Amino acid sequence: MNPEDFPTPEADVETVSPDALKERIDAGEDVTLLDARMQSDYDEWHIDGDTVTSINVPYYEFLDEEIDDEVLDAVPDDREVTVLCAKGGASEFVAGALKARGYDVNHLENGMNGWASIYERVEVSNYDGPGALYQYQRPSSGCLGYLLVEGDEAAVVDPLRAFTDRYLDDVAELGAELTYAFDTHVHADHISGVRELHAEGVEGVIPAPAVDRGITYAEELTTAEDGDTFAVGDATVEAVYTPGHTTGMTSYLLGERLLATGDGLFIESVARPDLEEGDDGAPAAARTLYHSLQERVLALPEDTLVGGAHFSDAAEPAGDGTYTATVGQLESQMPALTMTKDEFVELILSDMPPRPANYEEIIATNLGQNAVDDDEAFSLELGPNNCAASQESLAGD
């Protein structure tokens, strides 16, 4: 149902902003959520956390004038409950029905769409290269991006289309101009913002090896070959070819101190190898990934920071709140990085999670073969990223 199709709520209820809810969760407060979406949508992705109690009761259970006692019994009556849905209409109705029956409830503004609009910029304080480095974090999907600012110039890596204006505003706030926007590869879980930033006067850069996948707009942008460098003030961004997750996967060494690895390596896992060539091509891609990790990533100085394009619930942030770790830390904590090639391939093919939702349409959009408006682009990328080889952490204690 559309929000306007729901009956008028039986009682007025307070609205909670997504930012306020996240602040409570980050502070370690006990939070109880009643998710009124369909079970299939809930199972695909929902708000979670160590102090979060999440209950799924679909909205239609509350449409009858006499709500079933079993439904009401599923809702705690001894604490505050935040009701949420996809866009905010169903949750307001459900919360109103519960408040009219004496429950302590509020509802989440704009529902999961509002949650997906949270995008935070966190400084990478462990970075000791030229300028300042920031990590963008999108908790709803685990997407990560990077902003390097040196002097009056800046570059962003793996920008999201939904936040095009945010990058420009942030850089202006920091007293610089955004000069480059880099993509590490053809993403399968979110819509890239490189073309939109290029249209705003930023130089868009895509990996040269990715062009053969059928990127329709490659001639409009700059292509990066392995070893190419780009000046950002007195800092450099160097392209490091690291295929495996995709044939075009290219990492970027920022200020010679942090390697933005895209989907090649995360702080808790390694890339899945099946999104480009499918199951049949996954073993060969896994072998390629092994060589990329061993010969390109682990060959860097052990104090080089690594930052992927995603994080999962299994990831533990560093002390500065960013999802980064050094090459040495990852090598010591992740057995997959010290295995033989055969062991590595067997491991990452053994338990891959479901493929990202809408990944084929997202890939087509990022190739320029599928045109979507901003609203459709935002909807396509809702949900978890699932670009890692495992839903569980591959890193040890």
Protein backbone atom coordinates (compact mmCIF):
# COMPACT_ATOMS: atom_id res chain seq x y z
CA MET A 1 0.00 0.00 0.00
CA ASN A 2 1.04 3.57 -0.60
CA PRO A 3 1.30 5.83 2.48
CA GLU A 4 -1.71 7.86 1.36
CA ASP A 5 -3.85 4.70 1.19
CA PHE A 6 -3.66 4.01 4.94
CA PRO A 7 -6.52 5.04 7.22
CA THR A 8 -5.98 8.04 9.46
CA PRO A 9 -3.98 6.93 12.54
CA GLU A 10 -6.13 6.41 15.63
CA ALA A 11 -3.77 8.59 17.70
CA ASP A 12 -1.05 11.14 17.03
CA VAL A 13 2.44 9.73 17.45
CA GLU A 14 5.88 11.26 17.72
CA THR A 15 8.20 11.01 14.73
CA VAL A 16 11.83 10.00 15.27
CA SER A 17 14.47 11.04 12.75
CA PRO A 18 16.85 8.40 11.34
CA ASP A 19 19.84 10.37 12.68
CA ALA A 20 18.36 10.43 16.19
CA LEU A 21 17.72 6.68 16.10
CA LYS A 22 21.27 6.00 14.95
CA GLU A 23 22.68 8.21 17.72
CA ARG A 24 20.83 6.09 20.28
CA ILE A 25 22.11 2.86 18.76
CA ASP A 26 25.68 4.20 18.54
CA ALA A 27 25.46 5.27 22.19
CA GLY A 28 24.66 1.69 23.20
CA GLU A 29 21.10 2.42 24.33
CA ASP A 30 18.60 -0.42 24.32
CA VAL A 31 16.32 0.13 21.34
CA THR A 32 13.22 -1.87 20.44
CA LEU A 33 12.03 -1.74 16.83
CA LEU A 34 8.78 -3.01 15.37
CA ASP A 35 9.35 -3.48 11.65
CA ALA A 36 5.99 -3.46 9.87
CA ARG A 37 7.27 -4.49 6.43
CA MET A 38 6.54 -7.82 4.80
CA GLN A 39 8.64 -10.69 6.17
CA SER A 40 10.51 -11.13 2.87
CA ASP A 41 11.62 -7.49 2.93
CA TYR A 42 12.54 -7.76 6.59
CA ASP A 43 14.56 -10.93 6.02
CA GLU A 44 16.51 -9.25 3.20
CA TRP A 45 17.64 -6.35 5.37
CA HIS A 46 16.69 -4.63 8.59
CA ILE A 47 18.20 -2.44 11.28
CA ASP A 48 20.35 -4.45 13.64
CA GLY A 49 22.82 -3.93 16.47
CA ASP A 50 24.09 -5.33 19.74
CA THR A 51 21.52 -3.36 21.74
CA VAL A 52 18.71 -3.52 19.18
CA THR A 53 15.69 -5.76 19.62
CA SER A 54 13.95 -6.10 16.27
CA ILE A 55 10.45 -7.55 15.87
CA ASN A 56 8.74 -8.15 12.54
CA VAL A 57 4.94 -7.89 12.44
CA PRO A 58 3.62 -6.90 8.97
CA TYR A 59 1.37 -3.82 8.85
CA TYR A 60 -1.67 -5.73 7.55
CA GLU A 61 -1.99 -7.45 10.94
CA PHE A 62 -3.08 -4.05 12.31
CA LEU A 63 -5.67 -3.16 9.66
CA ASP A 64 -8.62 -4.89 11.34
CA GLU A 65 -10.62 -2.83 13.83
CA GLU A 66 -10.21 -5.68 16.31
CA ILE A 67 -6.51 -6.52 16.28
CA ASP A 68 -5.75 -10.13 17.16
CA ASP A 69 -4.49 -10.58 20.72
CA GLU A 70 -1.54 -12.64 19.48
CA VAL A 71 -0.43 -9.69 17.36
CA LEU A 72 -0.62 -7.29 20.30
CA ASP A 73 1.14 -9.78 22.56
CA ALA A 74 4.12 -9.71 20.18
CA VAL A 75 4.64 -6.00 20.92
CA PRO A 76 6.40 -5.20 24.22
CA ASP A 77 4.28 -3.04 26.54
CA ASP A 78 6.99 -2.37 29.11
CA ARG A 79 9.25 -0.11 27.04
CA GLU A 80 9.28 2.41 24.21
CA VAL A 81 8.89 0.90 20.75
CA THR A 82 9.85 2.57 17.47
CA VAL A 83 7.71 1.41 14.56
CA LEU A 84 9.16 1.51 11.06
CA CYS A 85 8.22 0.50 7.54
CA ALA A 86 9.51 1.19 4.03
CA LYS A 87 8.59 4.87 3.65
CA GLY A 88 6.83 5.96 6.85
CA GLY A 89 3.12 5.66 6.03
CA ALA A 90 2.43 2.20 7.38
CA SER A 91 4.51 2.81 10.49
CA GLU A 92 2.57 5.95 11.38
CA PHE A 93 -0.70 4.02 11.06
CA VAL A 94 0.56 1.04 13.09
CA ALA A 95 2.05 3.27 15.78
CA GLY A 96 -1.22 5.18 16.03
CA ALA A 97 -3.17 1.94 16.50
CA LEU A 98 -0.77 0.82 19.23
CA LYS A 99 -0.76 4.16 21.03
CA ALA A 100 -4.57 4.14 21.10
CA ARG A 101 -4.27 0.84 22.98
CA GLY A 102 -1.86 2.18 25.57
CA TYR A 103 1.53 1.31 24.08
CA ASP A 104 4.53 3.66 24.37
CA VAL A 105 5.39 4.10 20.68
CA ASN A 106 6.80 6.45 18.08
CA HIS A 107 7.65 5.90 14.41
CA LEU A 108 10.69 6.33 12.18
CA GLU A 109 10.55 9.26 9.77
CA ASN A 110 10.53 8.06 6.15
CA GLY A 111 11.09 4.47 7.28
CA MET A 112 13.93 2.45 5.75
CA ASN A 113 14.24 5.05 2.99
CA GLY A 114 15.15 7.53 5.71
CA TRP A 115 17.60 5.07 7.24
CA ALA A 116 19.22 4.66 3.81
CA SER A 117 19.69 8.45 3.62
CA ILE A 118 22.15 8.48 6.53
CA TYR A 119 25.64 9.18 5.22
CA GLU A 120 28.41 10.07 7.65
CA ARG A 121 31.87 11.53 7.10
CA VAL A 122 34.48 10.30 9.58
CA GLU A 123 38.09 11.48 9.57
CA VAL A 124 40.70 8.74 9.21
CA SER A 125 42.89 9.97 12.05
CA ASN A 126 45.31 7.06 11.60
CA TYR A 127 46.20 8.42 8.15
CA ASP A 128 49.56 10.19 8.27
CA GLY A 129 49.97 11.17 4.63
CA PRO A 130 49.63 14.63 3.07
CA GLY A 131 46.37 16.48 3.63
CA ALA A 132 43.36 15.03 5.41
CA LEU A 133 41.51 11.82 4.63
CA TYR A 134 37.87 11.05 5.41
CA GLN A 135 35.78 7.89 5.12
CA TYR A 136 32.12 8.10 4.13
CA GLN A 137 29.91 5.50 5.80
CA ARG A 138 26.39 4.46 4.81
CA PRO A 139 25.15 2.19 7.62
CA SER A 140 22.06 0.95 5.77
CA SER A 141 24.10 -0.80 3.08
CA GLY A 142 27.63 -0.79 4.47
CA CYS A 143 28.91 1.30 1.55
CA LEU A 144 32.17 3.19 2.14
CA GLY A 145 33.81 6.00 0.18
CA TYR A 146 36.92 8.14 0.66
CA LEU A 147 37.60 11.87 0.44
CA LEU A 148 41.19 13.12 0.21
CA VAL A 149 41.66 16.85 0.75
CA GLU A 150 45.06 18.46 0.30
CA GLY A 151 45.38 22.23 0.08
CA ASP A 152 42.60 23.58 -2.10
CA GLU A 153 42.04 20.34 -4.04
CA ALA A 154 40.14 17.16 -3.24
CA ALA A 155 39.31 13.73 -4.68
CA VAL A 156 36.55 11.28 -3.85
CA VAL A 157 36.75 7.51 -4.35
CA ASP A 158 33.63 5.39 -4.98
CA PRO A 159 31.03 8.17 -4.71
CA LEU A 160 27.33 7.32 -4.63
CA ARG A 161 24.92 9.00 -7.03
CA ALA A 162 22.43 9.65 -4.23
CA PHE A 163 24.94 11.90 -2.46
CA THR A 164 26.35 13.92 -5.36
CA ASP A 165 25.49 17.25 -3.75
CA ARG A 166 26.88 16.09 -0.40
CA TYR A 167 30.41 15.67 -1.77
CA LEU A 168 30.40 19.10 -3.36
CA ASP A 169 29.04 20.71 -0.18
CA ASP A 170 31.53 18.90 2.07
CA VAL A 171 34.51 19.89 -0.05
CA ALA A 172 33.37 23.51 -0.15
CA GLU A 173 32.97 23.44 3.63
CA LEU A 174 36.56 22.19 3.89
CA GLY A 175 37.79 25.09 1.77
CA ALA A 176 38.70 23.09 -1.32
CA GLU A 177 37.42 22.19 -4.78
CA LEU A 178 36.57 18.67 -5.84
CA THR A 179 38.90 17.93 -8.76
CA TYR A 180 38.60 14.14 -9.18
CA ALA A 181 35.97 11.43 -8.71
CA PHE A 182 37.29 7.85 -8.97
CA ASP A 183 35.47 4.54 -9.36
CA THR A 184 37.33 1.39 -8.36
CA HIS A 185 35.19 -0.84 -10.60
CA VAL A 186 31.75 -1.38 -12.08
CA HIS A 187 29.75 -1.67 -8.88
CA ALA A 188 27.00 -4.27 -8.42
CA ASP A 189 25.37 -2.95 -5.25
CA HIS A 190 24.98 0.82 -5.69
CA ILE A 191 24.65 3.41 -8.42
CA SER A 192 27.93 5.24 -9.02
CA GLY A 193 28.06 9.04 -8.73
CA VAL A 194 31.11 9.53 -10.97
CA ARG A 195 29.12 10.59 -14.04
CA GLU A 196 26.95 12.99 -12.06
CA LEU A 197 30.02 14.61 -10.49
CA HIS A 198 31.68 14.77 -13.92
CA ALA A 199 28.64 16.69 -15.14
CA GLU A 200 29.27 19.17 -12.31
CA GLY A 201 32.79 19.88 -13.56
CA VAL A 202 34.69 17.22 -11.59
CA GLU A 203 37.07 15.02 -13.60
CA GLY A 204 35.59 11.53 -13.55
CA VAL A 205 38.05 8.63 -13.58
CA ILE A 206 37.26 4.97 -14.25
CA PRO A 207 39.63 1.98 -14.51
CA ALA A 208 40.81 1.41 -18.08
CA PRO A 209 40.50 -2.40 -17.72
CA ALA A 210 36.79 -1.98 -16.90
CA VAL A 211 35.96 -0.35 -20.22
CA ASP A 212 35.81 -3.70 -22.03
CA ARG A 213 32.79 -4.68 -19.97
CA GLY A 214 30.78 -2.33 -22.16
CA ILE A 215 30.91 1.06 -20.42
CA THR A 216 29.03 3.28 -22.85
CA TYR A 217 30.36 6.62 -21.56
CA ALA A 218 34.06 5.74 -21.30
CA GLU A 219 35.12 8.30 -23.92
CA GLU A 220 33.62 11.10 -21.81
CA LEU A 221 35.78 10.31 -18.77
CA THR A 222 39.43 9.78 -17.92
CA THR A 223 40.62 6.18 -17.75
CA ALA A 224 43.22 5.01 -15.24
CA GLU A 225 45.83 2.42 -16.15
CA ASP A 226 47.88 0.55 -13.58
CA GLY A 227 50.54 2.90 -12.17
CA ASP A 228 48.88 6.12 -13.33
CA THR A 229 49.08 8.93 -10.77
CA PHE A 230 46.84 11.94 -10.23
CA ALA A 231 47.91 15.02 -8.26
CA VAL A 232 45.61 16.32 -5.52
CA GLY A 233 47.46 19.32 -4.17
CA ASP A 234 50.76 17.90 -2.90
CA ALA A 235 49.25 14.42 -2.52
CA THR A 236 49.01 11.73 -5.17
CA VAL A 237 46.42 9.12 -6.06
CA GLU A 238 47.99 6.07 -7.72
CA ALA A 239 46.03 3.43 -9.61
CA VAL A 240 46.89 -0.13 -8.53
CA TYR A 241 45.35 -2.83 -10.73
CA THR A 242 43.88 -5.55 -8.47
CA PRO A 243 41.52 -7.76 -10.53
CA GLY A 244 39.60 -10.66 -9.06
CA HIS A 245 36.30 -9.32 -7.82
CA THR A 246 35.90 -7.99 -11.35
CA THR A 247 38.23 -7.93 -14.33
CA GLY A 248 38.52 -4.16 -14.05
CA MET A 249 38.95 -3.86 -10.29
CA THR A 250 41.48 -1.11 -9.56
CA SER A 251 42.53 0.08 -6.11
CA TYR A 252 43.80 3.60 -5.44
CA LEU A 253 46.73 4.42 -3.17
CA LEU A 254 45.84 7.72 -1.50
CA GLY A 255 48.71 9.91 -0.33
CA GLU A 256 50.90 6.79 -0.40
CA ARG A 257 49.36 5.81 2.95
CA LEU A 258 45.90 4.28 2.40
CA LEU A 259 44.90 1.80 -0.28
CA ALA A 260 41.23 2.15 -1.21
CA THR A 261 40.65 -1.44 -2.28
CA GLY A 262 37.10 -1.17 -3.58
CA ASP A 263 35.59 -4.65 -3.31
CA GLY A 264 38.91 -6.50 -3.48
CA LEU A 265 39.66 -6.62 0.24
CA PHE A 266 37.67 -5.58 3.30
CA ILE A 267 38.83 -5.41 6.89
CA GLU A 268 36.79 -8.52 7.72
CA SER A 269 36.71 -10.45 4.45
CA VAL A 270 37.80 -10.67 0.83
CA ALA A 271 35.85 -10.15 -2.37
CA ARG A 272 33.36 -12.57 -3.85
CA PRO A 273 34.45 -13.61 -7.36
CA ASP A 274 31.14 -14.48 -9.06
CA LEU A 275 29.34 -11.22 -9.86
CA GLU A 276 30.87 -10.67 -13.31
CA GLU A 277 31.28 -14.15 -14.79
CA GLY A 278 28.82 -16.07 -12.62
CA ASP A 279 29.43 -19.42 -10.95
CA ASP A 280 31.30 -20.85 -13.94
CA GLY A 281 33.85 -18.05 -13.94
CA ALA A 282 34.21 -17.78 -10.17
CA PRO A 283 37.12 -20.25 -9.71
CA ALA A 284 39.32 -18.44 -12.26
CA ALA A 285 38.39 -15.07 -10.78
CA ALA A 286 39.23 -16.37 -7.30
CA ARG A 287 42.69 -17.40 -8.48
CA THR A 288 43.18 -13.95 -10.01
CA LEU A 289 42.08 -12.35 -6.75
CA TYR A 290 44.63 -14.44 -4.84
CA HIS A 291 47.46 -13.11 -6.98
CA SER A 292 46.18 -9.52 -6.68
CA LEU A 293 46.11 -9.74 -2.90
CA GLN A 294 49.47 -11.47 -2.59
CA GLU A 295 51.41 -9.51 -5.21
CA ARG A 296 49.83 -6.05 -5.10
CA VAL A 297 48.20 -5.49 -1.71
CA LEU A 298 50.30 -7.52 0.72
CA ALA A 299 53.46 -6.35 -1.04
CA LEU A 300 52.86 -2.83 0.29
CA PRO A 301 54.57 -1.69 3.52
CA GLU A 302 52.83 -3.37 6.46
CA ASP A 303 51.84 -0.02 7.99
CA THR A 304 49.88 0.97 4.87
CA LEU A 305 46.22 1.43 5.71
CA VAL A 306 43.59 -0.54 3.83
CA GLY A 307 40.02 0.65 3.37
CA GLY A 308 37.43 -1.26 1.35
CA ALA A 309 34.27 -0.01 -0.33
CA HIS A 310 32.05 -1.84 2.15
CA PHE A 311 31.74 -3.11 5.69
CA SER A 312 29.44 -5.75 7.14
CA ASP A 313 27.90 -6.30 10.56
CA ALA A 314 30.89 -8.56 11.27
CA ALA A 315 33.39 -5.70 10.85
CA GLU A 316 34.92 -4.03 13.89
CA PRO A 317 35.88 -0.37 13.37
CA ALA A 318 39.28 0.98 14.30
CA GLY A 319 39.77 3.32 17.25
CA ASP A 320 39.04 6.36 15.08
CA GLY A 321 35.63 4.94 14.10
CA THR A 322 36.66 4.08 10.54
CA TYR A 323 36.61 0.68 8.90
CA THR A 324 40.33 0.61 8.17
CA ALA A 325 43.27 -1.57 9.18
CA THR A 326 46.91 -1.85 8.22
CA VAL A 327 48.26 -4.42 5.79
CA GLY A 328 50.15 -6.01 8.69
CA GLN A 329 47.04 -6.26 10.84
CA LEU A 330 45.00 -7.86 8.09
CA GLU A 331 47.72 -10.35 7.25
CA SER A 332 47.99 -11.41 10.90
CA GLN A 333 44.24 -11.50 11.58
CA MET A 334 42.85 -13.00 8.36
CA PRO A 335 44.03 -16.57 7.70
CA ALA A 336 42.74 -16.34 4.12
CA LEU A 337 45.63 -14.00 3.36
CA THR A 338 48.27 -16.56 4.34
CA MET A 339 46.74 -19.63 2.70
CA THR A 340 48.01 -21.39 -0.39
CA LYS A 341 46.20 -20.52 -3.59
CA ASP A 342 44.20 -23.76 -3.63
CA GLU A 343 43.15 -23.31 0.01
CA PHE A 344 42.16 -19.70 -0.65
CA VAL A 345 40.04 -20.57 -3.68
CA GLU A 346 38.29 -23.39 -1.84
CA LEU A 347 37.52 -21.13 1.11
CA ILE A 348 35.99 -18.22 -0.75
CA LEU A 349 33.91 -20.44 -3.04
CA SER A 350 32.53 -22.45 -0.12
CA ASP A 351 29.96 -20.16 1.46
CA MET A 352 29.16 -17.08 -0.59
CA PRO A 353 26.10 -15.08 0.47
CA PRO A 354 23.15 -14.33 -1.83
CA ARG A 355 24.00 -11.93 -4.63
CA PRO A 356 23.12 -8.26 -4.04
CA ALA A 357 19.51 -7.32 -4.72
CA ASN A 358 18.93 -5.95 -8.24
CA TYR A 359 22.63 -6.45 -9.02
CA GLU A 360 22.13 -7.11 -12.73
CA GLU A 361 20.10 -3.92 -13.19
CA ILE A 362 22.58 -1.96 -11.06
CA ILE A 363 25.49 -3.20 -13.17
CA ALA A 364 23.64 -2.27 -16.36
CA THR A 365 23.00 1.20 -14.96
CA ASN A 366 26.64 1.66 -13.99
CA LEU A 367 27.68 0.54 -17.48
CA GLY A 368 25.43 3.23 -18.94
CA GLN A 369 23.22 0.63 -20.62
CA ASN A 370 20.21 1.30 -18.39
CA ALA A 371 18.87 4.81 -17.70
CA VAL A 372 17.06 5.42 -14.40
CA ASP A 373 15.95 8.57 -12.62
CA ASP A 374 17.18 9.52 -9.15
CA ASP A 375 14.24 7.94 -7.31
CA GLU A 376 14.60 4.64 -9.14
CA ALA A 377 18.37 4.67 -8.64
CA PHE A 378 17.87 5.14 -4.90
CA SER A 379 15.36 2.28 -4.75
CA LEU A 380 17.56 -0.10 -6.72
CA GLU A 381 20.39 0.05 -4.20
CA LEU A 382 18.34 -0.38 -1.02
CA GLY A 383 19.48 -3.33 1.04
CA PRO A 384 22.76 -5.01 2.04
CA ASN A 385 25.76 -4.98 -0.30
CA ASN A 386 26.71 -8.70 -0.14
CA CYS A 387 29.93 -8.12 -2.11
CA ALA A 388 32.14 -10.07 0.31
CA ALA A 389 32.92 -13.77 -0.02
CA SER A 390 31.27 -14.54 3.33
CA GLN A 391 28.57 -13.08 5.54
CA GLU A 392 30.72 -14.02 8.52
CA SER A 393 34.04 -12.42 9.36
CA LEU A 394 37.09 -14.16 7.90
CA ALA A 395 39.32 -12.29 10.37
CA GLY A 396 40.34 -13.92 13.63
CA ASP A 397 40.27 -12.40 17.10
